[in-house]
N, C-alpha and C. Protein backbone atom coordinates (compact mmCIF):
# COMPACT_ATOMS: atom_id res chain seq x y z
N MET A 1 13.19 41.56 24.75
CA MET A 1 13.63 40.45 25.55
C MET A 1 12.62 39.09 25.32
N LEU A 2 13.11 37.94 24.60
CA LEU A 2 12.66 37.01 24.51
C LEU A 2 12.66 36.27 25.66
N ALA A 3 11.66 35.17 25.42
CA ALA A 3 11.94 33.73 26.47
C ALA A 3 11.77 32.47 25.64
N TYR A 4 12.74 31.65 25.45
CA TYR A 4 12.47 29.96 24.99
C TYR A 4 11.99 29.54 26.11
N VAL A 5 10.67 28.86 26.18
CA VAL A 5 10.12 27.88 27.15
C VAL A 5 9.95 26.91 26.67
N PHE A 6 10.63 25.77 27.45
CA PHE A 6 10.51 24.13 27.31
C PHE A 6 9.58 23.49 28.41
N TRP A 7 8.79 22.96 27.80
CA TRP A 7 7.70 21.97 28.67
C TRP A 7 8.09 20.59 28.68
N HIS A 8 8.37 20.10 29.67
CA HIS A 8 8.94 18.40 29.76
C HIS A 8 8.55 17.87 30.86
N TRP A 9 8.50 16.51 30.74
CA TRP A 9 8.13 15.84 32.02
C TRP A 9 8.98 14.25 31.86
N PRO A 10 9.11 13.78 33.16
CA PRO A 10 9.83 12.44 33.06
C PRO A 10 9.15 11.10 32.51
N ARG A 11 10.02 10.16 31.86
CA ARG A 11 9.37 9.08 31.61
C ARG A 11 9.30 8.35 33.05
N PRO A 12 8.03 7.15 32.43
CA PRO A 12 7.95 6.26 33.95
C PRO A 12 9.19 5.76 34.43
N GLY A 13 9.24 5.60 35.70
CA GLY A 13 10.65 5.02 36.31
C GLY A 13 11.97 6.14 36.35
N PHE A 14 11.46 7.39 35.85
CA PHE A 14 12.71 8.67 36.10
C PHE A 14 11.94 9.82 37.22
N ALA A 15 11.01 9.47 37.53
CA ALA A 15 10.48 10.93 38.21
C ALA A 15 11.43 11.28 39.47
N SER A 16 11.81 10.01 40.22
CA SER A 16 12.74 10.44 41.44
C SER A 16 13.84 11.07 41.42
N GLY A 17 14.63 10.88 40.08
CA GLY A 17 15.71 11.69 40.20
C GLY A 17 15.79 12.42 39.02
N TYR A 18 14.43 12.93 38.06
CA TYR A 18 14.65 13.99 37.43
C TYR A 18 14.98 15.06 37.68
N GLU A 19 14.31 15.66 38.87
CA GLU A 19 14.88 17.17 38.98
C GLU A 19 16.30 17.18 39.31
N THR A 20 17.11 15.94 39.82
CA THR A 20 18.62 16.22 39.91
C THR A 20 19.12 16.34 38.67
N ARG A 21 18.65 15.67 37.66
CA ARG A 21 19.25 16.09 36.46
C ARG A 21 18.97 17.39 35.88
N LEU A 22 18.07 17.93 36.17
CA LEU A 22 17.77 19.15 35.54
C LEU A 22 18.33 20.23 36.23
N VAL A 23 18.60 19.92 37.43
CA VAL A 23 19.33 20.50 38.19
C VAL A 23 20.92 20.97 37.80
N ARG A 24 21.49 19.75 37.64
CA ARG A 24 22.80 19.33 37.02
C ARG A 24 23.10 20.20 35.67
N PHE A 25 22.16 20.01 34.69
CA PHE A 25 22.06 20.64 33.54
C PHE A 25 21.98 22.12 33.52
N GLN A 26 21.35 22.75 34.61
CA GLN A 26 21.14 24.13 34.73
C GLN A 26 22.68 24.61 35.41
N GLN A 27 23.14 24.07 36.29
CA GLN A 27 24.29 24.35 36.90
C GLN A 27 25.54 24.39 35.70
N ALA A 28 25.49 23.42 34.80
CA ALA A 28 26.20 23.32 33.75
C ALA A 28 26.23 24.56 33.01
N LEU A 29 24.97 24.99 32.85
CA LEU A 29 24.86 25.98 31.90
C LEU A 29 24.95 27.41 32.47
N ALA A 30 24.89 27.48 33.77
CA ALA A 30 25.40 28.77 34.59
C ALA A 30 26.90 28.77 34.55
N SER A 31 27.57 27.83 34.73
CA SER A 31 28.85 27.73 34.76
C SER A 31 29.61 28.25 33.51
N ALA A 32 28.97 27.78 32.60
CA ALA A 32 29.36 28.45 30.81
C ALA A 32 28.25 28.64 29.98
N PRO A 33 27.50 30.04 30.35
CA PRO A 33 26.60 30.36 29.68
C PRO A 33 26.64 31.09 28.36
N PRO A 34 25.98 30.64 27.32
CA PRO A 34 26.15 30.87 25.73
C PRO A 34 26.00 32.65 25.86
N PRO A 35 26.44 33.22 24.86
CA PRO A 35 26.29 34.70 24.57
C PRO A 35 24.86 34.89 24.46
N GLY A 36 24.22 35.86 25.07
CA GLY A 36 22.98 36.30 24.99
C GLY A 36 21.76 35.74 26.12
N LEU A 37 22.15 34.84 26.72
CA LEU A 37 21.52 34.15 27.86
C LEU A 37 21.62 35.17 28.82
N ARG A 38 20.19 35.65 29.27
CA ARG A 38 20.48 36.67 30.52
C ARG A 38 19.89 35.91 31.87
N GLU A 39 19.11 34.89 31.71
CA GLU A 39 18.74 34.37 32.92
C GLU A 39 18.01 32.99 32.56
N SER A 40 17.96 32.10 33.50
CA SER A 40 17.49 30.91 33.34
C SER A 40 16.22 30.47 34.73
N PHE A 41 15.20 29.74 34.73
CA PHE A 41 14.71 29.06 35.73
C PHE A 41 13.93 28.05 35.31
N VAL A 42 13.69 27.14 36.16
CA VAL A 42 12.94 25.95 36.15
C VAL A 42 11.88 25.65 36.91
N LEU A 43 10.77 25.41 36.49
CA LEU A 43 9.21 25.52 37.32
C LEU A 43 8.67 24.08 37.30
N ALA A 44 8.20 23.43 38.42
CA ALA A 44 7.40 22.50 38.02
C ALA A 44 5.90 22.82 38.19
N LEU A 45 4.82 22.08 37.70
CA LEU A 45 3.53 22.62 37.50
C LEU A 45 2.62 21.56 37.19
N GLU A 46 1.44 21.75 37.52
CA GLU A 46 0.33 20.88 36.67
C GLU A 46 -0.81 21.71 36.01
N GLY A 47 -1.72 20.91 35.68
CA GLY A 47 -2.64 21.86 35.17
C GLY A 47 -2.67 22.36 33.88
N ALA A 48 -1.63 22.12 33.46
CA ALA A 48 -1.47 22.81 31.74
C ALA A 48 -1.68 21.53 30.72
N ALA A 49 -2.86 21.56 30.10
CA ALA A 49 -2.83 20.76 29.04
C ALA A 49 -2.03 20.58 28.01
N TRP A 50 -1.33 21.54 27.66
CA TRP A 50 -0.19 21.48 26.54
C TRP A 50 1.14 20.64 27.36
N ALA A 51 1.10 20.54 28.32
CA ALA A 51 2.45 19.93 28.92
C ALA A 51 1.98 18.83 30.00
N ASN A 52 2.29 17.60 29.28
CA ASN A 52 1.87 16.26 29.83
C ASN A 52 0.51 16.02 30.10
N GLY A 53 0.04 16.51 29.11
CA GLY A 53 -1.90 16.39 29.50
C GLY A 53 -2.46 16.76 30.55
N GLY A 54 -1.43 17.81 31.44
CA GLY A 54 -2.11 18.57 32.43
C GLY A 54 -1.68 17.82 33.85
N ALA A 55 -0.76 16.65 33.56
CA ALA A 55 -0.37 15.94 34.63
C ALA A 55 1.04 16.63 35.21
N ASP A 56 1.60 16.12 36.24
CA ASP A 56 2.92 16.96 36.70
C ASP A 56 3.66 17.14 35.31
N ALA A 57 4.56 18.30 35.25
CA ALA A 57 5.35 18.86 34.16
C ALA A 57 6.20 19.87 34.98
N TYR A 58 7.26 20.38 34.00
CA TYR A 58 7.98 21.28 34.29
C TYR A 58 8.37 22.37 33.03
N GLU A 59 8.91 23.22 33.28
CA GLU A 59 8.99 24.24 32.36
C GLU A 59 10.26 24.96 32.64
N ASP A 60 11.24 24.96 31.43
CA ASP A 60 12.30 25.95 31.59
C ASP A 60 12.15 27.27 31.12
N TRP A 61 12.51 28.02 31.68
CA TRP A 61 12.49 29.59 30.85
C TRP A 61 13.55 30.12 30.58
N TYR A 62 14.23 30.20 29.29
CA TYR A 62 15.31 30.93 29.28
C TYR A 62 15.39 32.32 28.69
N LEU A 63 15.66 33.44 29.20
CA LEU A 63 15.53 34.51 28.91
C LEU A 63 16.46 35.26 27.96
N LEU A 64 16.24 35.45 26.78
CA LEU A 64 17.39 36.14 26.03
C LEU A 64 17.31 37.25 25.52
N GLY A 65 18.31 37.85 24.98
CA GLY A 65 18.02 39.17 24.41
C GLY A 65 17.42 39.49 23.29
N GLY A 66 17.64 38.55 22.44
CA GLY A 66 16.91 38.51 21.09
C GLY A 66 16.51 37.16 20.28
N SER A 67 16.02 37.44 19.24
CA SER A 67 15.88 35.93 18.69
C SER A 67 17.27 35.37 18.39
N ALA A 68 18.43 36.07 17.69
CA ALA A 68 19.71 35.66 17.56
C ALA A 68 20.35 34.83 18.48
N ASP A 69 19.66 35.11 19.68
CA ASP A 69 20.50 34.13 20.98
C ASP A 69 19.91 32.87 21.01
N LEU A 70 18.84 32.50 20.16
CA LEU A 70 18.31 31.42 20.24
C LEU A 70 19.23 30.13 19.76
N ASP A 71 19.84 30.55 18.76
CA ASP A 71 21.03 29.96 18.07
C ASP A 71 22.08 29.59 18.99
N SER A 72 22.54 30.60 19.62
CA SER A 72 23.51 30.43 20.80
C SER A 72 22.90 29.37 21.79
N LEU A 73 21.93 29.58 22.29
CA LEU A 73 21.43 28.41 23.52
C LEU A 73 21.51 27.19 22.88
N ASN A 74 20.65 26.82 21.81
CA ASN A 74 20.44 25.77 21.22
C ASN A 74 21.79 24.90 20.99
N GLU A 75 22.99 25.66 20.38
CA GLU A 75 24.18 25.06 20.09
C GLU A 75 24.97 24.67 21.45
N ALA A 76 24.95 25.74 22.50
CA ALA A 76 25.67 25.44 23.99
C ALA A 76 25.05 24.42 24.63
N ALA A 77 23.48 24.26 24.58
CA ALA A 77 22.80 23.24 25.37
C ALA A 77 23.64 21.87 25.06
N VAL A 78 24.17 21.56 24.26
CA VAL A 78 24.49 20.00 23.74
C VAL A 78 26.12 20.10 23.30
N THR A 79 26.83 20.74 23.92
CA THR A 79 28.21 21.34 23.70
C THR A 79 29.01 21.40 25.25
N SER A 80 30.24 20.93 24.95
CA SER A 80 31.19 21.23 26.15
C SER A 80 30.71 20.72 27.54
N THR A 81 30.80 21.24 28.39
CA THR A 81 30.80 20.71 29.81
C THR A 81 29.09 20.72 30.13
N ARG A 82 28.23 21.22 29.03
CA ARG A 82 26.71 21.35 29.32
C ARG A 82 26.40 20.14 28.53
N GLN A 83 27.10 19.20 27.54
CA GLN A 83 26.57 18.22 26.73
C GLN A 83 26.03 16.96 27.77
N LEU A 84 26.89 16.53 28.87
CA LEU A 84 26.73 15.41 29.31
C LEU A 84 25.14 15.77 30.38
N PRO A 85 25.14 16.66 31.31
CA PRO A 85 24.02 16.95 31.86
C PRO A 85 22.80 17.02 30.92
N HIS A 86 22.72 17.46 29.89
CA HIS A 86 21.80 18.08 29.06
C HIS A 86 21.41 16.31 28.19
N ASP A 87 22.27 15.52 27.85
CA ASP A 87 22.12 14.45 27.60
C ASP A 87 21.44 13.40 28.82
N GLU A 88 21.71 13.64 30.01
CA GLU A 88 21.31 12.87 30.90
C GLU A 88 19.50 13.13 31.18
N ALA A 89 19.54 14.52 31.22
CA ALA A 89 18.27 15.32 31.57
C ALA A 89 17.38 14.43 30.49
N ALA A 90 17.90 14.76 29.27
CA ALA A 90 16.96 14.27 27.89
C ALA A 90 16.65 12.74 27.82
N ALA A 91 17.42 11.72 28.52
CA ALA A 91 17.27 10.30 28.39
C ALA A 91 16.12 10.00 29.40
N ALA A 92 16.01 11.12 30.06
CA ALA A 92 14.91 10.74 31.29
C ALA A 92 13.67 11.40 30.95
N ALA A 93 13.42 12.06 30.01
CA ALA A 93 12.44 12.87 29.46
C ALA A 93 11.70 11.90 28.69
N GLY A 94 10.10 12.06 28.98
CA GLY A 94 9.30 11.33 28.44
C GLY A 94 8.55 12.08 27.39
N GLY A 95 8.53 13.22 27.25
CA GLY A 95 8.36 14.28 26.18
C GLY A 95 8.36 15.68 26.54
N GLY A 96 8.22 16.38 25.54
CA GLY A 96 8.42 17.64 25.68
C GLY A 96 8.14 18.57 24.39
N THR A 97 7.89 20.06 24.95
CA THR A 97 7.58 20.84 23.70
C THR A 97 7.94 22.42 24.13
N GLY A 98 7.99 23.20 23.12
CA GLY A 98 8.82 24.30 23.25
C GLY A 98 7.73 25.40 22.68
N GLY A 99 8.25 26.82 23.25
CA GLY A 99 7.58 27.92 22.68
C GLY A 99 8.52 29.02 22.57
N VAL A 100 8.08 30.40 22.06
CA VAL A 100 9.07 31.28 22.19
C VAL A 100 8.19 32.84 22.68
N TYR A 101 8.36 33.36 23.70
CA TYR A 101 7.44 34.37 24.23
C TYR A 101 8.30 35.63 24.02
N ARG A 102 7.58 36.91 23.50
CA ARG A 102 8.29 38.06 23.96
C ARG A 102 7.50 38.84 25.07
N LEU A 103 8.73 39.50 25.94
CA LEU A 103 8.26 40.53 26.90
C LEU A 103 7.16 41.52 26.46
N ARG A 104 6.02 41.68 26.72
CA ARG A 104 5.35 42.69 26.38
C ARG A 104 4.94 43.97 27.39
N LEU A 105 4.80 43.53 28.72
CA LEU A 105 4.72 44.61 29.70
C LEU A 105 5.03 44.06 30.81
N GLY A 106 5.75 45.10 31.50
CA GLY A 106 6.82 44.59 33.10
C GLY A 106 8.09 44.50 32.78
N ALA A 107 8.59 44.10 33.74
CA ALA A 107 10.03 43.51 33.78
C ALA A 107 10.06 42.20 34.41
N PRO A 108 10.74 41.31 33.82
CA PRO A 108 10.73 39.66 34.13
C PRO A 108 10.80 39.46 35.84
N VAL A 109 9.75 38.74 36.14
CA VAL A 109 9.60 38.44 37.66
C VAL A 109 10.30 36.75 37.58
N SER A 110 11.27 36.89 38.29
CA SER A 110 12.26 35.56 38.45
C SER A 110 12.78 34.82 39.67
N PRO A 111 12.48 33.79 39.78
CA PRO A 111 11.50 32.96 39.10
C PRO A 111 10.13 33.28 39.96
N PRO A 112 9.13 33.35 38.93
CA PRO A 112 7.83 33.59 39.54
C PRO A 112 7.16 32.41 40.19
N ARG A 113 6.29 32.80 41.20
CA ARG A 113 5.55 31.56 41.88
C ARG A 113 4.10 31.56 41.35
N TYR A 114 3.34 32.34 40.18
CA TYR A 114 1.97 32.19 39.43
C TYR A 114 2.20 32.23 38.02
N ALA A 115 1.52 31.72 37.39
CA ALA A 115 1.28 31.96 36.01
C ALA A 115 -0.28 31.82 35.77
N ALA A 116 -0.74 32.83 34.72
CA ALA A 116 -1.95 32.92 34.42
C ALA A 116 -1.74 32.99 32.75
N TRP A 117 -2.61 31.76 32.26
CA TRP A 117 -2.31 31.60 30.64
C TRP A 117 -3.60 32.20 30.34
N PHE A 118 -3.81 32.81 28.89
CA PHE A 118 -4.93 33.34 28.24
C PHE A 118 -4.43 33.23 26.81
N SER A 119 -5.77 33.79 26.00
CA SER A 119 -5.70 34.14 24.89
C SER A 119 -6.44 35.23 24.49
N LYS A 120 -6.03 36.41 23.69
CA LYS A 120 -6.77 37.37 23.54
C LYS A 120 -8.20 37.09 22.93
N PRO A 121 -9.29 37.97 23.55
CA PRO A 121 -10.55 37.61 23.27
C PRO A 121 -10.99 38.09 21.88
N GLU A 122 -11.44 37.44 21.29
CA GLU A 122 -11.90 37.75 19.59
C GLU A 122 -12.31 39.18 19.73
N GLY A 123 -11.77 40.04 18.88
CA GLY A 123 -12.73 41.47 18.67
C GLY A 123 -12.01 42.28 19.51
N LEU A 124 -11.12 41.77 20.22
CA LEU A 124 -10.21 43.15 21.21
C LEU A 124 -9.07 43.26 20.85
N SER A 125 -8.72 44.42 20.67
CA SER A 125 -7.14 44.75 19.73
C SER A 125 -6.03 44.77 20.68
N TYR A 126 -4.90 44.45 20.33
CA TYR A 126 -3.75 44.30 21.27
C TYR A 126 -3.79 45.39 22.50
N PRO A 127 -3.79 46.72 21.98
CA PRO A 127 -3.55 48.00 22.82
C PRO A 127 -4.41 47.72 23.68
N ALA A 128 -5.78 47.60 23.36
CA ALA A 128 -7.04 47.32 24.38
C ALA A 128 -6.58 46.24 25.59
N LEU A 129 -6.20 45.00 25.01
CA LEU A 129 -5.81 44.13 25.75
C LEU A 129 -4.97 44.59 26.70
N TYR A 130 -3.97 45.07 26.50
CA TYR A 130 -3.02 45.33 27.30
C TYR A 130 -3.08 46.72 28.40
N ASP A 131 -4.08 47.19 27.77
CA ASP A 131 -4.83 48.44 28.96
C ASP A 131 -5.75 47.54 30.11
N LEU A 132 -6.51 46.65 29.33
CA LEU A 132 -7.02 45.53 30.10
C LEU A 132 -6.24 45.06 31.18
N VAL A 133 -4.77 44.79 30.86
CA VAL A 133 -4.12 43.82 31.61
C VAL A 133 -3.25 44.85 32.73
N ARG A 134 -2.90 46.01 32.32
CA ARG A 134 -1.96 46.54 33.23
C ARG A 134 -2.50 46.83 34.39
N PRO A 135 -3.68 47.12 34.83
CA PRO A 135 -3.95 47.21 36.39
C PRO A 135 -3.76 45.95 37.11
N ALA A 136 -3.79 44.89 36.47
CA ALA A 136 -3.83 43.73 37.34
C ALA A 136 -2.18 43.53 37.56
N LEU A 137 -1.41 43.78 36.57
CA LEU A 137 -0.12 43.53 36.87
C LEU A 137 0.59 44.72 37.62
N ALA A 138 -0.09 45.69 37.79
CA ALA A 138 0.44 46.67 38.83
C ALA A 138 0.19 46.06 40.41
N SER A 139 -0.95 45.85 40.53
CA SER A 139 -1.44 45.22 41.71
C SER A 139 -1.13 44.15 42.10
N GLY A 140 -0.32 43.04 41.31
CA GLY A 140 0.07 41.78 41.87
C GLY A 140 1.60 41.91 41.47
N GLY A 141 2.23 42.73 40.75
CA GLY A 141 3.71 42.62 40.53
C GLY A 141 4.11 41.91 39.47
N GLY A 142 3.15 41.91 38.34
CA GLY A 142 3.04 41.13 37.39
C GLY A 142 4.29 41.44 36.03
N VAL A 143 4.22 40.60 35.21
CA VAL A 143 4.81 40.84 33.94
C VAL A 143 4.11 40.14 32.66
N LEU A 144 3.95 40.61 31.72
CA LEU A 144 3.09 39.89 30.53
C LEU A 144 4.08 39.54 29.54
N TRP A 145 4.12 38.17 29.12
CA TRP A 145 4.63 37.64 27.85
C TRP A 145 3.74 36.99 27.17
N GLY A 146 4.22 37.38 25.51
CA GLY A 146 3.21 37.07 24.46
C GLY A 146 3.84 36.45 23.39
N ARG A 147 3.32 35.14 23.33
CA ARG A 147 3.90 34.21 22.45
C ARG A 147 4.12 34.80 20.69
N GLN A 148 5.05 34.41 20.23
CA GLN A 148 5.56 34.82 18.92
C GLN A 148 5.31 33.73 17.80
N MET A 149 4.77 34.44 16.86
CA MET A 149 4.54 33.76 15.84
C MET A 149 4.15 32.33 15.75
N THR A 150 2.85 32.07 16.41
CA THR A 150 2.51 31.16 17.02
C THR A 150 3.36 29.97 17.21
N LEU A 151 4.37 30.31 17.95
CA LEU A 151 5.45 29.21 17.99
C LEU A 151 4.94 28.45 19.64
N GLY A 152 4.61 27.55 19.69
CA GLY A 152 4.29 26.72 21.15
C GLY A 152 2.68 26.36 21.19
N PRO A 153 2.65 25.54 21.80
CA PRO A 153 1.26 24.82 22.03
C PRO A 153 0.47 25.71 23.36
N ALA A 154 1.20 26.32 23.83
CA ALA A 154 0.15 27.12 25.07
C ALA A 154 -0.56 28.01 24.67
N ARG A 155 -1.18 28.65 25.41
CA ARG A 155 -2.12 29.93 25.04
C ARG A 155 -0.98 31.04 24.97
N GLU A 156 -2.05 32.12 24.13
CA GLU A 156 -1.15 33.27 23.43
C GLU A 156 -0.33 33.80 24.70
N PHE A 157 -0.80 34.38 25.95
CA PHE A 157 -0.45 35.24 26.91
C PHE A 157 0.05 34.47 28.05
N CYS A 158 0.96 34.98 28.75
CA CYS A 158 1.41 34.39 30.20
C CYS A 158 1.54 35.84 31.08
N VAL A 159 0.98 35.64 32.35
CA VAL A 159 1.18 36.71 33.35
C VAL A 159 2.17 35.99 34.28
N HIS A 160 3.32 36.42 34.79
CA HIS A 160 4.26 35.52 35.60
C HIS A 160 4.11 36.72 36.81
N SER A 161 4.11 36.31 38.11
CA SER A 161 4.12 37.01 39.34
C SER A 161 4.44 36.42 40.62
N HIS A 162 4.70 37.30 41.56
CA HIS A 162 5.29 36.55 42.60
C HIS A 162 3.79 36.48 43.54
N GLU A 163 3.13 37.21 43.24
CA GLU A 163 1.77 37.20 44.06
C GLU A 163 0.64 37.31 42.91
N ARG A 164 -0.56 36.37 43.21
CA ARG A 164 -1.42 36.24 42.44
C ARG A 164 -1.97 37.48 41.94
N CYS A 165 -2.17 37.37 40.74
CA CYS A 165 -2.52 38.89 39.69
C CYS A 165 -4.16 38.30 39.55
N VAL A 166 -5.46 38.98 39.71
CA VAL A 166 -6.35 38.94 39.49
C VAL A 166 -6.38 39.62 38.15
N LEU A 167 -6.88 38.92 37.06
CA LEU A 167 -6.98 39.46 35.93
C LEU A 167 -8.58 39.26 35.42
N PRO A 168 -9.18 40.37 34.59
CA PRO A 168 -10.37 40.25 34.15
C PRO A 168 -10.81 39.07 33.88
N ALA A 169 -11.91 38.75 34.53
CA ALA A 169 -12.52 37.21 33.96
C ALA A 169 -13.03 37.49 32.71
N ALA A 170 -12.90 38.33 31.81
CA ALA A 170 -13.30 38.06 30.27
C ALA A 170 -12.10 37.33 29.41
N LEU A 171 -10.85 37.56 30.25
CA LEU A 171 -9.95 36.81 29.72
C LEU A 171 -9.80 35.28 29.81
N ALA A 172 -10.73 34.56 30.89
CA ALA A 172 -10.56 33.43 31.03
C ALA A 172 -9.19 32.41 31.34
N ALA A 173 -8.57 33.21 32.24
CA ALA A 173 -7.18 32.86 32.41
C ALA A 173 -7.12 31.63 33.20
N LEU A 174 -6.21 30.62 32.76
CA LEU A 174 -5.72 29.32 33.45
C LEU A 174 -4.85 29.70 34.67
N GLU A 175 -5.08 29.80 35.75
CA GLU A 175 -4.10 29.79 36.74
C GLU A 175 -3.56 29.13 37.20
N ILE A 176 -2.05 29.08 37.43
CA ILE A 176 -1.14 27.84 37.65
C ILE A 176 -0.27 28.18 38.82
N PRO A 177 -0.51 27.41 40.05
CA PRO A 177 0.55 27.76 41.17
C PRO A 177 1.84 26.98 40.62
N LEU A 178 3.48 27.73 40.78
CA LEU A 178 4.41 27.22 40.43
C LEU A 178 5.38 27.04 41.46
N ARG A 179 6.13 25.59 41.30
CA ARG A 179 7.25 25.52 42.47
C ARG A 179 8.49 25.66 41.65
N ARG A 180 9.53 26.45 42.01
CA ARG A 180 10.72 26.79 41.64
C ARG A 180 11.62 25.48 42.09
N VAL A 181 12.09 24.88 41.20
CA VAL A 181 13.17 23.85 41.02
C VAL A 181 14.38 24.47 40.60
N TRP A 182 14.48 25.22 39.80
CA TRP A 182 16.07 26.05 39.65
C TRP A 182 15.61 27.67 39.26
N PRO A 183 16.56 28.44 40.22
CA PRO A 183 17.70 28.04 41.14
C PRO A 183 17.12 27.74 42.31
N GLU A 184 18.10 26.93 43.11
CA GLU A 184 17.67 26.24 44.41
C GLU A 184 17.49 27.44 45.26
N ASP A 185 18.14 28.43 45.48
CA ASP A 185 17.87 29.34 46.23
C ASP A 185 17.09 30.58 45.77
N ALA A 186 16.73 31.43 46.29
CA ALA A 186 15.89 32.44 46.20
C ALA A 186 16.51 33.85 45.06
N SER A 187 17.62 33.76 44.82
CA SER A 187 17.77 34.44 43.79
C SER A 187 18.29 33.94 42.22
N PRO A 188 17.42 34.42 41.33
CA PRO A 188 17.63 33.94 39.77
C PRO A 188 18.87 33.86 39.23
N ALA A 189 18.99 32.68 38.31
CA ALA A 189 20.31 32.51 37.50
C ALA A 189 20.58 33.29 36.84
N THR A 190 21.38 34.67 36.92
CA THR A 190 21.43 35.48 36.07
C THR A 190 22.87 35.54 34.99
N PHE A 191 22.96 35.95 33.97
CA PHE A 191 23.88 35.70 33.37
C PHE A 191 24.28 37.23 32.23
N HIS A 192 25.86 37.40 33.10
CA HIS A 192 26.07 38.65 32.40
C HIS A 192 27.09 38.67 31.02
N THR A 193 26.39 39.27 29.93
CA THR A 193 26.86 39.19 28.61
C THR A 193 27.64 40.47 28.13
N PRO A 194 28.57 40.03 27.46
CA PRO A 194 29.64 41.61 27.11
C PRO A 194 28.53 42.23 26.06
C-alpha cells in the first residue's frame, strides 16, 4: 500500500474558510472515488518545518493500492464533480508540497491522532531499524510509513498512531499531535474498489 501525502496551508485572508473548502473536496472525492483509492483523511498540524515553515498547516493522506493508482487520483482530483471543490480549495492555498510513502509495518491507523517523524540513523540497516521500531508500534498501536525514492520534503519515516508511541531516543523523532479535519466523524473515509 502507498500513501500520497500532500502538505498545504491557506493564503493570508483564507484561513477561516479553508477547512470548509477542504471538506467539500473530500466529500466530492468520496462520492466519486477514482479506482485504487482505498481511503483518505485530512489532518491539521503544526511544528513540521516542511509544511508552512512549522506554522499551522494541513496534510492530506490518500491511501492507494499501488503506484499506478497515483495517475487515477491525479486525474480524478480535477475532473467531473470533484473539479470545482478542488479548484476552490486550491485557490485558497498559500502553498503546498507532497510526498509518497509505502506502508512498512502494521496496518493503517485512520485517521491517526499522533505522528512521529524520523530518519534512519547512519550505519543502521533497514531490517535493524524495523526491529528497533516494532516494539513501540505494538505498544502504541502504530504503523510505520517509509518515504519512496526520496519523494517528499519530510523525514524518511512516519509512525502514525491513535496513542502516543514512545520511540527509541536514538531516532530523534519529531512528535506531532494531529487534529482530524476529515472525515468529520470517527470513521475513516474508505473506498471500495473492484
